[in-house]
């Protein structure tokens, strides 16, 4: 009787865990689907990327600066 009880208990725990895992996977799939639906179009994403890139480059000082002394001595 004890063995049967343990078997049923383990089986029910396995079923509950399986159901929880499958529900979590389903919720994850729904969340990804909603994310893809709400995502901006490719053209808008590209515009935003270029805009951010240009703003970032405007903030940086120029890489080349004028030297303080001449390159060659005359």
C-alpha atoms as a PDB file:
ATOM      1  CA  UNK A   1       0.000   0.000   0.000  1.00  0.00           C
ATOM      2  CA  UNK A   2       2.875   2.336   0.854  1.00  0.00           C
ATOM      3  CA  UNK A   3       4.541   1.711  -2.547  1.00  0.00           C
ATOM      4  CA  UNK A   4       1.310   2.459  -4.407  1.00  0.00           C
ATOM      5  CA  UNK A   5       0.820   5.674  -2.441  1.00  0.00           C
ATOM      6  CA  UNK A   6       4.397   6.834  -3.220  1.00  0.00           C
ATOM      7  CA  UNK A   7       3.951   5.937  -6.906  1.00  0.00           C
ATOM      8  CA  UNK A   8       0.704   7.930  -7.142  1.00  0.00           C
ATOM      9  CA  UNK A   9       2.270  10.859  -5.277  1.00  0.00           C
ATOM     10  CA  UNK A  10       5.301  10.958  -7.595  1.00  0.00           C
ATOM     11  CA  UNK A  11       3.105  10.585 -10.666  1.00  0.00           C
ATOM     12  CA  UNK A  12       0.837  13.457  -9.623  1.00  0.00           C
ATOM     13  CA  UNK A  13       3.827  15.678  -8.811  1.00  0.00           C
ATOM     14  CA  UNK A  14       5.278  14.890 -12.239  1.00  0.00           C
ATOM     15  CA  UNK A  15       1.990  15.751 -13.928  1.00  0.00           C
ATOM     16  CA  UNK A  16       1.711  19.021 -12.030  1.00  0.00           C
ATOM     17  CA  UNK A  17       5.294  19.970 -12.920  1.00  0.00           C
ATOM     18  CA  UNK A  18       4.708  19.045 -16.560  1.00  0.00           C
ATOM     19  CA  UNK A  19       1.585  21.195 -16.704  1.00  0.00           C
ATOM     20  CA  UNK A  20       3.427  24.126 -15.094  1.00  0.00           C
ATOM     21  CA  UNK A  21       6.317  23.850 -17.550  1.00  0.00           C
ATOM     22  CA  UNK A  22       4.003  23.704 -20.548  1.00  0.00           C
ATOM     23  CA  UNK A  23       2.023  26.710 -19.253  1.00  0.00           C
ATOM     24  CA  UNK A  24       5.215  28.707 -18.760  1.00  0.00           C
ATOM     25  CA  UNK A  25       6.342  27.853 -22.293  1.00  0.00           C
ATOM     26  CA  UNK A  26       2.954  28.895 -23.665  1.00  0.00           C
ATOM     27  CA  UNK A  27       3.056  32.224 -21.793  1.00  0.00           C
ATOM     28  CA  UNK A  28       6.589  32.800 -23.097  1.00  0.00           C
ATOM     29  CA  UNK A  29       5.388  32.134 -26.658  1.00  0.00           C
ATOM     30  CA  UNK A  30       2.479  34.563 -26.239  1.00  0.00           C
ATOM     31  CA  UNK A  31       4.800  37.242 -24.833  1.00  0.00           C
ATOM     32  CA  UNK A  32       7.180  36.873 -27.793  1.00  0.00           C
ATOM     33  CA  UNK A  33       4.249  37.023 -30.206  1.00  0.00           C
ATOM     34  CA  UNK A  34       2.969  40.226 -28.591  1.00  0.00           C
ATOM     35  CA  UNK A  35       6.476  41.694 -28.657  1.00  0.00           C
ATOM     36  CA  UNK A  36       6.825  40.966 -32.376  1.00  0.00           C
ATOM     37  CA  UNK A  37       3.387  42.464 -33.041  1.00  0.00           C
ATOM     38  CA  UNK A  38       4.146  45.695 -31.169  1.00  0.00           C
ATOM     39  CA  UNK A  39       7.635  46.047 -32.649  1.00  0.00           C
ATOM     40  CA  UNK A  40       8.376  49.009 -34.931  1.00  0.00           C
ATOM     41  CA  UNK A  41       8.707  48.426 -38.643  1.00  0.00           C
ATOM     42  CA  UNK A  42      12.173  47.845 -40.122  1.00  0.00           C
ATOM     43  CA  UNK A  43      12.249  51.294 -41.753  1.00  0.00           C
ATOM     44  CA  UNK A  44      11.412  52.986 -38.463  1.00  0.00           C
ATOM     45  CA  UNK A  45      14.032  50.937 -36.613  1.00  0.00           C
ATOM     46  CA  UNK A  46      16.642  51.897 -39.200  1.00  0.00           C
ATOM     47  CA  UNK A  47      15.751  55.585 -38.903  1.00  0.00           C
ATOM     48  CA  UNK A  48      16.024  55.390 -35.135  1.00  0.00           C
ATOM     49  CA  UNK A  49      19.399  53.610 -35.343  1.00  0.00           C
ATOM     50  CA  UNK A  50      20.802  56.251 -37.712  1.00  0.00           C
ATOM     51  CA  UNK A  51      19.413  59.061 -35.555  1.00  0.00           C
ATOM     52  CA  UNK A  52      21.018  57.624 -32.404  1.00  0.00           C
ATOM     53  CA  UNK A  53      24.319  57.078 -34.251  1.00  0.00           C
ATOM     54  CA  UNK A  54      24.428  60.678 -35.486  1.00  0.00           C
ATOM     55  CA  UNK A  55      23.549  62.068 -32.054  1.00  0.00           C
ATOM     56  CA  UNK A  56      26.281  59.976 -30.462  1.00  0.00           C
ATOM     57  CA  UNK A  57      28.867  61.195 -32.980  1.00  0.00           C
ATOM     58  CA  UNK A  58      27.887  64.840 -32.478  1.00  0.00           C
ATOM     59  CA  UNK A  59      28.707  64.591 -28.791  1.00  0.00           C
ATOM     60  CA  UNK A  60      32.230  63.204 -29.357  1.00  0.00           C
ATOM     61  CA  UNK A  61      35.059  65.658 -30.041  1.00  0.00           C
ATOM     62  CA  UNK A  62      36.892  65.255 -33.347  1.00  0.00           C
ATOM     63  CA  UNK A  63      39.566  62.569 -33.384  1.00  0.00           C
ATOM     64  CA  UNK A  64      42.194  64.680 -35.179  1.00  0.00           C
ATOM     65  CA  UNK A  65      43.434  67.911 -33.669  1.00  0.00           C
ATOM     66  CA  UNK A  66      45.790  70.455 -35.138  1.00  0.00           C
ATOM     67  CA  UNK A  67      49.379  70.049 -33.892  1.00  0.00           C
ATOM     68  CA  UNK A  68      50.937  72.785 -31.789  1.00  0.00           C
ATOM     69  CA  UNK A  69      54.265  72.758 -33.673  1.00  0.00           C
ATOM     70  CA  UNK A  70      55.222  72.224 -37.288  1.00  0.00           C
ATOM     71  CA  UNK A  71      55.890  68.693 -38.502  1.00  0.00           C
ATOM     72  CA  UNK A  72      59.312  69.393 -39.986  1.00  0.00           C
ATOM     73  CA  UNK A  73      61.999  71.859 -38.924  1.00  0.00           C
ATOM     74  CA  UNK A  74      63.176  74.232 -41.617  1.00  0.00           C
END
